[in-house]
C-alpha atoms as a PDB file:
ATOM      1  CA  UNK A   1       3.135   2.702 -17.253  1.00  0.00           C
ATOM      2  CA  UNK A   2       2.171   5.625 -19.441  1.00  0.00           C
ATOM      3  CA  UNK A   3      -0.327   7.959 -17.795  1.00  0.00           C
ATOM      4  CA  UNK A   4       0.237   6.567 -14.292  1.00  0.00           C
ATOM      5  CA  UNK A   5       2.109   9.006 -12.047  1.00  0.00           C
ATOM      6  CA  UNK A   6       5.285   7.808 -10.348  1.00  0.00           C
ATOM      7  CA  UNK A   7       4.770   7.148  -6.665  1.00  0.00           C
ATOM      8  CA  UNK A   8       7.167   7.544  -3.804  1.00  0.00           C
ATOM      9  CA  UNK A   9       7.376   5.993  -0.371  1.00  0.00           C
ATOM     10  CA  UNK A  10       5.052   7.840   1.996  1.00  0.00           C
ATOM     11  CA  UNK A  11       3.112   9.219  -0.956  1.00  0.00           C
ATOM     12  CA  UNK A  12      -0.666   9.262  -0.822  1.00  0.00           C
ATOM     13  CA  UNK A  13      -3.275   9.198  -3.546  1.00  0.00           C
ATOM     14  CA  UNK A  14      -7.013   8.841  -4.088  1.00  0.00           C
ATOM     15  CA  UNK A  15      -8.114   6.125  -6.511  1.00  0.00           C
ATOM     16  CA  UNK A  16     -11.739   6.614  -7.546  1.00  0.00           C
ATOM     17  CA  UNK A  17     -13.445   3.363  -8.500  1.00  0.00           C
ATOM     18  CA  UNK A  18     -16.871   2.436  -9.870  1.00  0.00           C
ATOM     19  CA  UNK A  19     -18.592   1.984  -6.512  1.00  0.00           C
ATOM     20  CA  UNK A  20     -16.062   3.301  -4.058  1.00  0.00           C
ATOM     21  CA  UNK A  21     -13.047   5.474  -3.407  1.00  0.00           C
ATOM     22  CA  UNK A  22      -9.719   4.092  -2.223  1.00  0.00           C
ATOM     23  CA  UNK A  23      -7.281   6.259  -0.304  1.00  0.00           C
ATOM     24  CA  UNK A  24      -3.853   4.699  -0.626  1.00  0.00           C
ATOM     25  CA  UNK A  25      -0.514   5.338   1.090  1.00  0.00           C
ATOM     26  CA  UNK A  26       2.765   3.782  -0.051  1.00  0.00           C
ATOM     27  CA  UNK A  27       4.573   2.354   2.983  1.00  0.00           C
ATOM     28  CA  UNK A  28       7.669   0.882   1.304  1.00  0.00           C
ATOM     29  CA  UNK A  29       8.975   0.840  -2.260  1.00  0.00           C
ATOM     30  CA  UNK A  30      12.044  -1.183  -3.269  1.00  0.00           C
ATOM     31  CA  UNK A  31      12.470  -0.898  -7.054  1.00  0.00           C
ATOM     32  CA  UNK A  32      12.287  -4.248  -8.846  1.00  0.00           C
ATOM     33  CA  UNK A  33      11.587  -6.006  -5.521  1.00  0.00           C
ATOM     34  CA  UNK A  34       8.446  -4.936  -3.672  1.00  0.00           C
ATOM     35  CA  UNK A  35       5.769  -2.370  -3.019  1.00  0.00           C
ATOM     36  CA  UNK A  36       3.969  -2.230   0.322  1.00  0.00           C
ATOM     37  CA  UNK A  37       0.887  -0.054   0.599  1.00  0.00           C
ATOM     38  CA  UNK A  38      -2.092   0.442   2.852  1.00  0.00           C
ATOM     39  CA  UNK A  39      -5.483   1.675   1.799  1.00  0.00           C
ATOM     40  CA  UNK A  40      -8.885   2.586   3.097  1.00  0.00           C
ATOM     41  CA  UNK A  41     -11.969   1.848   0.996  1.00  0.00           C
ATOM     42  CA  UNK A  42     -15.104   3.983   1.273  1.00  0.00           C
ATOM     43  CA  UNK A  43     -18.580   3.737  -0.267  1.00  0.00           C
ATOM     44  CA  UNK A  44     -19.539   7.402  -0.083  1.00  0.00           C
ATOM     45  CA  UNK A  45     -19.078   8.291   3.581  1.00  0.00           C
ATOM     46  CA  UNK A  46     -19.174   4.644   4.740  1.00  0.00           C
ATOM     47  CA  UNK A  47     -15.806   3.147   5.679  1.00  0.00           C
ATOM     48  CA  UNK A  48     -15.845  -0.343   4.178  1.00  0.00           C
ATOM     49  CA  UNK A  49     -12.367  -1.693   4.881  1.00  0.00           C
ATOM     50  CA  UNK A  50      -8.734  -1.044   5.641  1.00  0.00           C
ATOM     51  CA  UNK A  51      -6.016  -3.185   4.068  1.00  0.00           C
ATOM     52  CA  UNK A  52      -2.274  -3.723   3.999  1.00  0.00           C
ATOM     53  CA  UNK A  53      -0.901  -5.190   0.772  1.00  0.00           C
ATOM     54  CA  UNK A  54       2.506  -6.312  -0.431  1.00  0.00           C
ATOM     55  CA  UNK A  55       3.428  -6.800  -4.078  1.00  0.00           C
ATOM     56  CA  UNK A  56       6.611  -8.834  -4.541  1.00  0.00           C
ATOM     57  CA  UNK A  57       8.399  -8.889  -7.894  1.00  0.00           C
ATOM     58  CA  UNK A  58      10.656 -11.908  -8.467  1.00  0.00           C
ATOM     59  CA  UNK A  59      12.771 -12.541 -11.575  1.00  0.00           C
ATOM     60  CA  UNK A  60      11.564 -15.735 -13.248  1.00  0.00           C
ATOM     61  CA  UNK A  61      13.410 -16.717 -16.404  1.00  0.00           C
ATOM     62  CA  UNK A  62      12.713 -14.065 -19.012  1.00  0.00           C
ATOM     63  CA  UNK A  63       9.758 -12.702 -17.047  1.00  0.00           C
ATOM     64  CA  UNK A  64       8.748 -11.587 -13.591  1.00  0.00           C
ATOM     65  CA  UNK A  65       6.600 -13.388 -11.049  1.00  0.00           C
ATOM     66  CA  UNK A  66       4.190 -11.118  -9.139  1.00  0.00           C
ATOM     67  CA  UNK A  67       3.058 -12.224  -5.686  1.00  0.00           C
ATOM     68  CA  UNK A  68       0.291 -10.189  -4.049  1.00  0.00           C
ATOM     69  CA  UNK A  69      -0.446 -10.642  -0.347  1.00  0.00           C
ATOM     70  CA  UNK A  70      -3.250  -8.623   1.243  1.00  0.00           C
ATOM     71  CA  UNK A  71      -4.555  -8.540   4.782  1.00  0.00           C
ATOM     72  CA  UNK A  72      -7.746  -6.618   5.305  1.00  0.00           C
ATOM     73  CA  UNK A  73     -10.363  -5.760   7.857  1.00  0.00           C
ATOM     74  CA  UNK A  74     -13.868  -5.544   6.367  1.00  0.00           C
ATOM     75  CA  UNK A  75     -16.301  -3.510   8.451  1.00  0.00           C
ATOM     76  CA  UNK A  76     -19.989  -4.117   9.115  1.00  0.00           C
ATOM     77  CA  UNK A  77     -20.633  -6.529   6.238  1.00  0.00           C
ATOM     78  CA  UNK A  78     -20.277  -3.883   3.511  1.00  0.00           C
ATOM     79  CA  UNK A  79     -17.949  -6.121   1.500  1.00  0.00           C
ATOM     80  CA  UNK A  80     -16.924  -9.798   1.432  1.00  0.00           C
ATOM     81  CA  UNK A  81     -13.644 -11.620   0.873  1.00  0.00           C
ATOM     82  CA  UNK A  82     -15.077 -13.127  -2.356  1.00  0.00           C
ATOM     83  CA  UNK A  83     -15.989  -9.699  -3.716  1.00  0.00           C
ATOM     84  CA  UNK A  84     -12.551  -8.364  -2.808  1.00  0.00           C
ATOM     85  CA  UNK A  85     -10.814 -11.324  -4.460  1.00  0.00           C
ATOM     86  CA  UNK A  86     -12.898 -10.832  -7.622  1.00  0.00           C
ATOM     87  CA  UNK A  87     -12.058  -7.115  -7.780  1.00  0.00           C
ATOM     88  CA  UNK A  88      -8.364  -7.767  -7.216  1.00  0.00           C
ATOM     89  CA  UNK A  89      -8.441 -10.375  -9.987  1.00  0.00           C
ATOM     90  CA  UNK A  90      -9.935  -7.806 -12.378  1.00  0.00           C
ATOM     91  CA  UNK A  91      -7.180  -5.317 -11.490  1.00  0.00           C
ATOM     92  CA  UNK A  92      -4.452  -7.924 -12.050  1.00  0.00           C
ATOM     93  CA  UNK A  93      -6.029  -8.941 -15.378  1.00  0.00           C
ATOM     94  CA  UNK A  94      -6.035  -5.273 -16.453  1.00  0.00           C
ATOM     95  CA  UNK A  95      -2.368  -4.966 -15.431  1.00  0.00           C
ATOM     96  CA  UNK A  96      -1.514  -8.068 -17.481  1.00  0.00           C
ATOM     97  CA  UNK A  97      -3.336  -6.697 -20.519  1.00  0.00           C
ATOM     98  CA  UNK A  98      -1.575  -3.320 -20.210  1.00  0.00           C
ATOM     99  CA  UNK A  99       1.838  -4.994 -19.950  1.00  0.00           C
ATOM    100  CA  UNK A 100       1.125  -7.230 -22.964  1.00  0.00           C
ATOM    101  CA  UNK A 101       0.024  -4.193 -24.987  1.00  0.00           C
ATOM    102  CA  UNK A 102       3.263  -2.398 -24.056  1.00  0.00           C
ATOM    103  CA  UNK A 103       5.455  -5.220 -25.449  1.00  0.00           C
END
C-alpha cells in the first residue's frame, strides 16, 4: 500500500494509535501466504496486552480470503476481548476501504 513501509521478517515498528501505542515485531512473512506478528500494547507506561497474530491469505476465485487469528493476554483489566474485537474490525474495515480505493 502506498505510504506504508515494506516490512521484513524480524523487523520491528511502533504503531501509534488514538489511545495507545503498539510495538510490533514480524515473526514470519511468506509472500502471498501469511504474516505472523507479535505485539505489545501500552496505554502510556501501562502494559495492556501482548498478542500473537497470524494473517493467512488464500486465493478465492478472483479475490483473496483473509483469515486473522489472534491470541492475546490482556493484563489487569485494562482492555476487554470485546474492545479488542471492535478495534480489529475497524482496522480490517479500513484495509478493505483502502484496497477498494486502489482498484
